[in-house]
């Protein structure tokens, strides 16, 4: 007996379980339906009201977290006329409304290649909120307060997805389940049909209950001359199965833990004087020359590129202020990439034009390409 009590006490104190995901449940029970469950002592004015739970404070210092950042070799190739022309041909051939004759016959006059710097800070954090929900009770075992105090949300261990991969999962909090009578049907499992008001039959809409459609017809064929027909809403039963409890008459209420893993990205691209949409650079692949990944990363100080150092200091400060009070930071990663951008000036049919080749994959931006046809597609 003593051993059983010790085991139960140890289970209640740990209460750290790997949980299975729980499905969602609709509709709202009355606010006064619930009782207090240990530290889950808040009242609800509506169903599914979420309570954000801040994580416990974790004392971290950079000296404990510091890893040596990685500097990588730059591998940006020099832009040539052949590469620039082939990039434009590939771009043109991917567009249904672009002709490839101009791309093949243009005369390149000048190549202006430059390299932009892109700084990124990724903060992978975990947020936990709790909400009350329910599901039909099917006489399954009830893990309620009689088995112990529900654990704190941040004490519940779950499987963390791969770092920087976003995900959302829902889990049932141990010892938080309660069985209550269904508030929708008041424990009956069924309720009166709103279409026929429980009669099972309703007035025929074809003859409006007159039993015949006109003075030239003896009887209405739709209702066989009775003036009434079976209710289509309840199939003539007069009542419907309660959709809230699915006919089970009782509901299993419990506290649901909702965990969201999100990758928050701060991005800064160095200034340039190009007539080029900067949002395109966010999707371009660059050449990574610097990478640091850890639970917390250092802001860059006295870095080779001052604008990157300032961006790093702003980013780390903003993410620390935004996420440490309401979520748990699991991992951070900061990188610096070089993005090649080449301004290509060319002549075609006696006129001057230009286009841009950007990114390591040689993407093309050509706003004024001379051989375009209107076919209703979107030009990017």
Protein backbone atom coordinates (compact mmCIF):
# COMPACT_ATOMS: atom_id res chain seq x y z
CA UNK A 1 0.00 0.00 0.00
CA UNK A 2 2.82 2.36 0.92
CA UNK A 3 4.60 1.52 -2.33
CA UNK A 4 1.48 2.29 -4.39
CA UNK A 5 1.09 5.68 -2.72
CA UNK A 6 4.75 6.55 -3.37
CA UNK A 7 4.44 5.56 -7.00
CA UNK A 8 1.26 7.65 -7.39
CA UNK A 9 2.92 10.65 -5.70
CA UNK A 10 5.95 10.34 -7.97
CA UNK A 11 3.70 10.17 -11.01
CA UNK A 12 1.81 13.31 -9.94
CA UNK A 13 4.98 15.23 -9.23
CA UNK A 14 6.57 14.40 -12.54
CA UNK A 15 3.47 14.47 -14.73
CA UNK A 16 5.74 14.79 -17.74
CA UNK A 17 4.38 12.72 -20.56
CA UNK A 18 4.77 12.24 -24.26
CA UNK A 19 1.25 12.96 -25.49
CA UNK A 20 -0.79 12.12 -28.55
CA UNK A 21 -2.40 14.89 -30.58
CA UNK A 22 -6.03 15.67 -29.80
CA UNK A 23 -8.69 16.64 -32.37
CA UNK A 24 -10.62 19.88 -32.29
CA UNK A 25 -14.18 20.13 -30.92
CA UNK A 26 -16.82 22.77 -31.78
CA UNK A 27 -19.54 24.74 -29.99
CA UNK A 28 -19.54 26.52 -26.65
CA UNK A 29 -20.70 25.26 -23.24
CA UNK A 30 -21.91 27.66 -20.54
CA UNK A 31 -19.17 29.65 -18.79
CA UNK A 32 -20.19 28.42 -15.32
CA UNK A 33 -19.90 24.75 -16.28
CA UNK A 34 -16.31 24.27 -15.18
CA UNK A 35 -14.61 23.87 -11.86
CA UNK A 36 -11.15 25.02 -10.95
CA UNK A 37 -8.32 22.59 -11.61
CA UNK A 38 -5.29 23.42 -9.50
CA UNK A 39 -3.25 26.20 -11.14
CA UNK A 40 -5.66 26.29 -14.11
CA UNK A 41 -7.81 28.78 -12.22
CA UNK A 42 -9.29 31.13 -14.74
CA UNK A 43 -12.85 31.65 -15.85
CA UNK A 44 -14.09 31.57 -19.42
CA UNK A 45 -16.68 33.85 -20.95
CA UNK A 46 -16.62 31.87 -24.16
CA UNK A 47 -15.42 28.50 -25.31
CA UNK A 48 -11.88 28.12 -26.65
CA UNK A 49 -10.65 31.29 -25.02
CA UNK A 50 -6.90 30.80 -25.01
CA UNK A 51 -4.58 31.54 -22.14
CA UNK A 52 -1.01 32.31 -23.12
CA UNK A 53 1.39 30.80 -20.64
CA UNK A 54 4.86 32.41 -20.46
CA UNK A 55 7.76 29.98 -20.05
CA UNK A 56 9.72 29.76 -16.80
CA UNK A 57 12.72 32.01 -16.71
CA UNK A 58 15.88 30.32 -17.90
CA UNK A 59 19.13 31.98 -16.90
CA UNK A 60 21.39 32.00 -19.95
CA UNK A 61 24.55 33.87 -20.67
CA UNK A 62 26.31 34.18 -23.98
CA UNK A 63 29.48 32.74 -22.52
CA UNK A 64 27.63 29.49 -21.81
CA UNK A 65 26.10 29.35 -25.28
CA UNK A 66 28.96 30.60 -27.44
CA UNK A 67 30.04 28.57 -30.46
CA UNK A 68 32.67 29.67 -32.93
CA UNK A 69 30.92 31.19 -35.97
CA UNK A 70 31.73 29.75 -39.37
CA UNK A 71 33.22 31.88 -42.15
CA UNK A 72 32.79 30.36 -45.58
CA UNK A 73 34.69 30.93 -48.79
CA UNK A 74 33.08 33.20 -51.37
CA UNK A 75 32.17 31.37 -54.57
CA UNK A 76 30.47 34.03 -56.72
CA UNK A 77 31.42 33.55 -60.39
CA UNK A 78 32.12 36.44 -62.74
CA UNK A 79 29.23 37.33 -65.05
CA UNK A 80 29.95 36.90 -68.76
CA UNK A 81 27.95 37.77 -71.87
CA UNK A 82 27.21 34.11 -72.57
CA UNK A 83 25.90 33.52 -69.05
CA UNK A 84 23.79 36.70 -69.16
CA UNK A 85 22.33 35.80 -72.57
CA UNK A 86 21.53 32.21 -71.55
CA UNK A 87 19.86 33.45 -68.37
CA UNK A 88 17.63 35.76 -70.41
CA UNK A 89 16.78 32.97 -72.89
CA UNK A 90 15.75 30.66 -70.04
CA UNK A 91 13.63 33.43 -68.55
CA UNK A 92 11.96 34.24 -71.89
CA UNK A 93 11.22 30.60 -72.67
CA UNK A 94 9.44 30.26 -69.33
CA UNK A 95 7.01 33.06 -70.26
CA UNK A 96 4.10 32.32 -72.57
CA UNK A 97 3.85 35.94 -73.75
CA UNK A 98 7.56 36.57 -74.43
CA UNK A 99 9.18 36.00 -77.80
CA UNK A 100 12.73 34.60 -77.86
CA UNK A 101 13.90 36.33 -81.03
CA UNK A 102 15.04 39.46 -79.20
CA UNK A 103 16.91 37.41 -76.60
CA UNK A 104 18.79 35.62 -79.35
CA UNK A 105 19.65 38.68 -81.45
CA UNK A 106 20.32 41.37 -78.82
CA UNK A 107 23.75 42.97 -78.62
CA UNK A 108 25.05 43.28 -75.07
CA UNK A 109 26.73 46.65 -74.55
CA UNK A 110 27.73 46.58 -70.88
CA UNK A 111 27.69 44.36 -67.79
CA UNK A 112 27.60 46.08 -64.38
CA UNK A 113 28.09 43.44 -61.73
CA UNK A 114 27.89 44.17 -58.03
CA UNK A 115 27.38 42.19 -54.87
CA UNK A 116 24.82 42.91 -52.17
CA UNK A 117 24.94 41.64 -48.60
CA UNK A 118 21.93 39.95 -47.00
CA UNK A 119 21.80 39.43 -43.24
CA UNK A 120 19.28 37.04 -41.71
CA UNK A 121 18.47 36.15 -38.13
CA UNK A 122 16.19 33.17 -37.63
CA UNK A 123 14.69 32.62 -34.18
CA UNK A 124 12.94 29.29 -33.72
CA UNK A 125 10.62 29.61 -30.75
CA UNK A 126 7.92 27.60 -29.01
CA UNK A 127 4.68 29.10 -27.71
CA UNK A 128 2.24 27.29 -25.41
CA UNK A 129 -1.37 28.25 -24.80
CA UNK A 130 -4.17 26.41 -23.02
CA UNK A 131 -7.84 26.24 -23.91
CA UNK A 132 -10.88 24.33 -22.75
CA UNK A 133 -12.50 21.99 -25.22
CA UNK A 134 -14.62 18.84 -25.26
CA UNK A 135 -15.58 15.74 -27.19
CA UNK A 136 -18.43 13.20 -26.93
CA UNK A 137 -17.97 10.92 -23.94
CA UNK A 138 -17.93 7.26 -24.99
CA UNK A 139 -17.46 5.60 -21.59
CA UNK A 140 -13.69 5.74 -21.89
CA UNK A 141 -11.42 6.10 -18.87
CA UNK A 142 -11.45 9.62 -17.44
CA UNK A 143 -8.08 11.04 -16.38
CA UNK A 144 -9.46 13.66 -14.02
CA UNK A 145 -8.31 15.56 -10.92
CA UNK A 146 -8.82 12.43 -8.84
CA UNK A 147 -5.58 11.13 -10.37
CA UNK A 148 -3.56 14.16 -9.37
CA UNK A 149 -3.02 17.84 -10.01
CA UNK A 150 -2.73 18.75 -13.72
CA UNK A 151 0.92 19.55 -14.55
CA UNK A 152 2.11 22.99 -15.52
CA UNK A 153 2.04 23.45 -19.28
CA UNK A 154 5.79 23.93 -19.57
CA UNK A 155 6.40 20.76 -17.54
CA UNK A 156 4.79 18.61 -20.23
CA UNK A 157 7.39 17.06 -22.50
CA UNK A 158 6.53 16.67 -26.16
CA UNK A 159 8.49 15.79 -29.27
CA UNK A 160 10.04 18.94 -30.75
CA UNK A 161 10.09 19.06 -34.57
CA UNK A 162 13.26 19.60 -36.52
CA UNK A 163 14.83 22.97 -35.79
CA UNK A 164 13.48 25.85 -37.90
CA UNK A 165 10.60 23.67 -39.19
CA UNK A 166 7.26 25.27 -38.25
CA UNK A 167 4.47 23.13 -36.79
CA UNK A 168 1.41 23.27 -34.51
CA UNK A 169 0.12 20.42 -32.36
CA UNK A 170 -2.55 19.96 -29.71
CA UNK A 171 -2.33 17.74 -26.64
CA UNK A 172 -4.62 16.83 -23.77
CA UNK A 173 -3.35 17.97 -20.39
CA UNK A 174 -3.13 15.03 -17.93
CA UNK A 175 -5.61 14.97 -15.01
CA UNK A 176 -7.75 17.75 -16.56
CA UNK A 177 -10.73 15.71 -17.83
CA UNK A 178 -14.29 16.09 -16.51
CA UNK A 179 -17.50 14.38 -17.65
CA UNK A 180 -20.56 16.63 -17.89
CA UNK A 181 -24.07 16.39 -19.28
CA UNK A 182 -24.28 17.73 -22.83
CA UNK A 183 -25.26 21.39 -22.63
CA UNK A 184 -26.82 21.37 -26.10
CA UNK A 185 -29.39 18.59 -25.67
CA UNK A 186 -29.42 18.62 -21.83
CA UNK A 187 -28.38 14.98 -21.70
CA UNK A 188 -31.07 13.61 -24.01
CA UNK A 189 -28.82 12.79 -26.96
CA UNK A 190 -31.44 14.13 -29.35
CA UNK A 191 -33.43 17.32 -29.85
CA UNK A 192 -36.66 18.27 -31.58
CA UNK A 193 -36.43 18.86 -35.30
CA UNK A 194 -36.71 22.55 -36.13
CA UNK A 195 -38.20 21.79 -39.55
CA UNK A 196 -41.33 19.88 -38.49
CA UNK A 197 -41.28 20.82 -34.76
CA UNK A 198 -41.22 17.14 -33.80
CA UNK A 199 -44.20 16.05 -35.92
CA UNK A 200 -42.14 14.14 -38.46
CA UNK A 201 -44.29 15.52 -41.30
CA UNK A 202 -44.70 19.00 -42.72
CA UNK A 203 -46.95 20.80 -45.15
CA UNK A 204 -46.33 19.97 -48.78
CA UNK A 205 -44.58 22.87 -50.47
CA UNK A 206 -45.92 21.89 -53.87
CA UNK A 207 -49.64 22.17 -53.11
CA UNK A 208 -49.23 24.26 -49.92
CA UNK A 209 -51.32 21.72 -48.03
CA UNK A 210 -54.33 21.97 -50.38
CA UNK A 211 -53.85 18.32 -51.46
CA UNK A 212 -54.23 19.25 -55.13
CA UNK A 213 -52.19 21.56 -57.37
CA UNK A 214 -55.11 23.05 -59.35
CA UNK A 215 -58.84 22.61 -59.90
CA UNK A 216 -58.07 20.43 -62.92
CA UNK A 217 -56.07 17.89 -60.86
CA UNK A 218 -57.65 15.51 -58.41
CA UNK A 219 -54.69 15.34 -56.08
CA UNK A 220 -51.10 16.51 -55.65
CA UNK A 221 -48.67 13.91 -56.89
CA UNK A 222 -45.88 15.09 -54.59
CA UNK A 223 -47.77 14.37 -51.36
CA UNK A 224 -50.20 11.76 -52.81
CA UNK A 225 -53.09 14.05 -51.99
CA UNK A 226 -52.47 14.17 -48.25
CA UNK A 227 -51.30 17.78 -48.12
CA UNK A 228 -48.35 16.76 -45.97
CA UNK A 229 -45.13 14.91 -46.61
CA UNK A 230 -42.28 13.45 -44.64
CA UNK A 231 -39.91 16.00 -43.16
CA UNK A 232 -36.69 16.02 -45.15
CA UNK A 233 -34.71 17.55 -42.28
CA UNK A 234 -35.18 14.67 -39.85
CA UNK A 235 -36.34 11.99 -42.36
CA UNK A 236 -39.69 11.76 -40.59
CA UNK A 237 -38.32 10.92 -37.14
CA UNK A 238 -39.36 14.20 -35.53
CA UNK A 239 -36.01 14.61 -33.84
CA UNK A 240 -32.34 14.74 -34.72
CA UNK A 241 -29.22 13.33 -33.14
CA UNK A 242 -27.41 15.97 -31.14
CA UNK A 243 -24.39 17.06 -33.19
CA UNK A 244 -22.54 18.25 -30.09
CA UNK A 245 -22.46 14.97 -28.19
CA UNK A 246 -23.28 12.81 -31.25
CA UNK A 247 -26.03 11.12 -29.30
CA UNK A 248 -23.81 10.09 -26.38
CA UNK A 249 -25.66 12.43 -23.94
CA UNK A 250 -22.43 13.35 -22.13
CA UNK A 251 -19.31 15.33 -22.97
CA UNK A 252 -15.75 14.84 -21.87
CA UNK A 253 -14.32 18.29 -21.10
CA UNK A 254 -10.58 18.75 -20.80
CA UNK A 255 -7.84 21.35 -21.00
CA UNK A 256 -6.00 21.32 -24.29
CA UNK A 257 -2.41 22.37 -24.72
CA UNK A 258 -1.71 24.09 -28.05
CA UNK A 259 1.97 24.26 -28.98
CA UNK A 260 3.15 26.37 -31.90
CA UNK A 261 6.69 26.18 -33.24
CA UNK A 262 7.51 29.14 -35.45
CA UNK A 263 10.57 30.34 -37.30
CA UNK A 264 10.76 34.13 -37.07
CA UNK A 265 12.99 35.78 -39.65
CA UNK A 266 14.64 39.19 -39.55
CA UNK A 267 16.20 40.20 -42.87
CA UNK A 268 18.32 43.14 -43.95
CA UNK A 269 19.83 43.76 -47.39
CA UNK A 270 22.55 46.34 -47.92
CA UNK A 271 21.69 49.54 -49.74
CA UNK A 272 22.04 49.83 -53.48
CA UNK A 273 21.20 52.33 -56.21
CA UNK A 274 19.60 49.81 -58.57
CA UNK A 275 16.16 50.27 -60.10
CA UNK A 276 15.30 46.79 -58.92
CA UNK A 277 12.45 45.41 -56.73
CA UNK A 278 14.16 44.55 -53.47
CA UNK A 279 11.50 42.00 -52.53
CA UNK A 280 12.85 39.74 -55.30
CA UNK A 281 16.14 39.49 -53.44
CA UNK A 282 14.44 37.80 -50.50
CA UNK A 283 13.74 34.73 -52.63
CA UNK A 284 17.11 34.69 -54.40
CA UNK A 285 19.79 32.24 -53.35
CA UNK A 286 23.00 33.85 -52.15
CA UNK A 287 26.47 32.64 -51.37
CA UNK A 288 26.79 32.08 -47.64
CA UNK A 289 29.98 33.61 -46.21
CA UNK A 290 29.06 33.61 -42.50
CA UNK A 291 26.98 31.30 -40.33
CA UNK A 292 26.41 31.04 -36.58
CA UNK A 293 23.83 28.79 -34.94
CA UNK A 294 23.15 28.24 -31.25
CA UNK A 295 20.50 28.51 -28.58
CA UNK A 296 21.31 32.22 -28.48
CA UNK A 297 23.68 33.96 -30.87
CA UNK A 298 25.96 36.93 -30.37
CA UNK A 299 25.26 40.27 -32.02
CA UNK A 300 28.13 40.99 -34.40
CA UNK A 301 30.63 43.54 -33.10
CA UNK A 302 33.53 45.07 -35.07
CA UNK A 303 32.51 42.99 -38.05
CA UNK A 304 34.11 43.33 -41.48
CA UNK A 305 30.90 44.90 -42.86
CA UNK A 306 29.59 47.65 -40.50
CA UNK A 307 26.04 47.62 -41.92
CA UNK A 308 25.81 43.88 -41.25
CA UNK A 309 27.00 44.42 -37.67
CA UNK A 310 24.32 47.08 -37.10
CA UNK A 311 21.66 44.79 -38.59
CA UNK A 312 22.77 41.96 -36.30
CA UNK A 313 22.58 44.17 -33.22
CA UNK A 314 19.09 45.41 -34.16
CA UNK A 315 17.86 41.91 -34.98
CA UNK A 316 19.05 40.20 -31.81
CA UNK A 317 17.63 43.01 -29.66
CA UNK A 318 14.25 42.96 -31.43
CA UNK A 319 13.87 39.18 -31.25
CA UNK A 320 14.90 39.10 -27.60
CA UNK A 321 12.29 41.74 -26.73
CA UNK A 322 9.58 40.12 -28.85
CA UNK A 323 9.88 36.45 -27.91
CA UNK A 324 11.54 35.85 -24.55
CA UNK A 325 8.58 36.99 -22.41
CA UNK A 326 5.84 34.93 -24.11
CA UNK A 327 7.70 31.99 -25.65
CA UNK A 328 10.76 29.82 -25.33
CA UNK A 329 13.59 30.34 -27.80
CA UNK A 330 14.88 26.94 -28.88
CA UNK A 331 17.48 27.91 -31.46
CA UNK A 332 18.84 30.92 -33.32
CA UNK A 333 20.75 31.14 -36.56
CA UNK A 334 22.33 34.18 -38.17
CA UNK A 335 23.85 34.20 -41.64
CA UNK A 336 25.37 36.63 -44.10
CA UNK A 337 25.07 35.93 -47.80
CA UNK A 338 26.46 37.64 -50.86
CA UNK A 339 23.88 38.12 -53.62
CA UNK A 340 25.25 38.87 -57.08
CA UNK A 341 23.26 41.37 -59.14
CA UNK A 342 24.29 42.25 -62.70
CA UNK A 343 22.79 45.11 -64.68
CA UNK A 344 22.85 44.11 -68.34
CA UNK A 345 22.62 46.91 -70.95
CA UNK A 346 21.83 45.74 -74.46
CA UNK A 347 20.75 47.03 -77.86
CA UNK A 348 17.95 45.61 -79.98
CA UNK A 349 16.32 47.09 -83.12
CA UNK A 350 18.24 50.33 -82.64
CA UNK A 351 17.02 50.91 -79.07
CA UNK A 352 18.70 50.46 -75.68
CA UNK A 353 17.23 48.22 -72.99
CA UNK A 354 18.38 46.61 -69.78
CA UNK A 355 17.61 43.64 -67.58
CA UNK A 356 18.98 42.23 -64.34
CA UNK A 357 20.52 38.86 -63.58
CA UNK A 358 20.47 38.17 -59.86
CA UNK A 359 21.08 35.39 -57.33
CA UNK A 360 23.32 32.35 -57.57
CA UNK A 361 20.68 30.67 -59.75
CA UNK A 362 20.83 33.53 -62.30
CA UNK A 363 17.24 34.70 -62.07
CA UNK A 364 16.17 37.46 -64.43
CA UNK A 365 14.14 40.63 -63.97
CA UNK A 366 13.29 42.27 -67.32
CA UNK A 367 10.60 44.90 -67.02
CA UNK A 368 10.99 46.45 -70.49
CA UNK A 369 11.76 43.38 -72.61
CA UNK A 370 11.02 44.48 -76.22
CA UNK A 371 9.27 41.34 -77.50
CA UNK A 372 6.17 40.90 -75.34
CA UNK A 373 2.63 39.98 -76.31
CA UNK A 374 -0.52 40.45 -74.29
CA UNK A 375 -2.00 37.06 -73.48
CA UNK A 376 -3.58 37.75 -70.11
CA UNK A 377 -0.86 36.15 -68.00
CA UNK A 378 0.89 37.80 -65.07
CA UNK A 379 4.36 39.12 -65.79
CA UNK A 380 6.89 38.65 -63.02
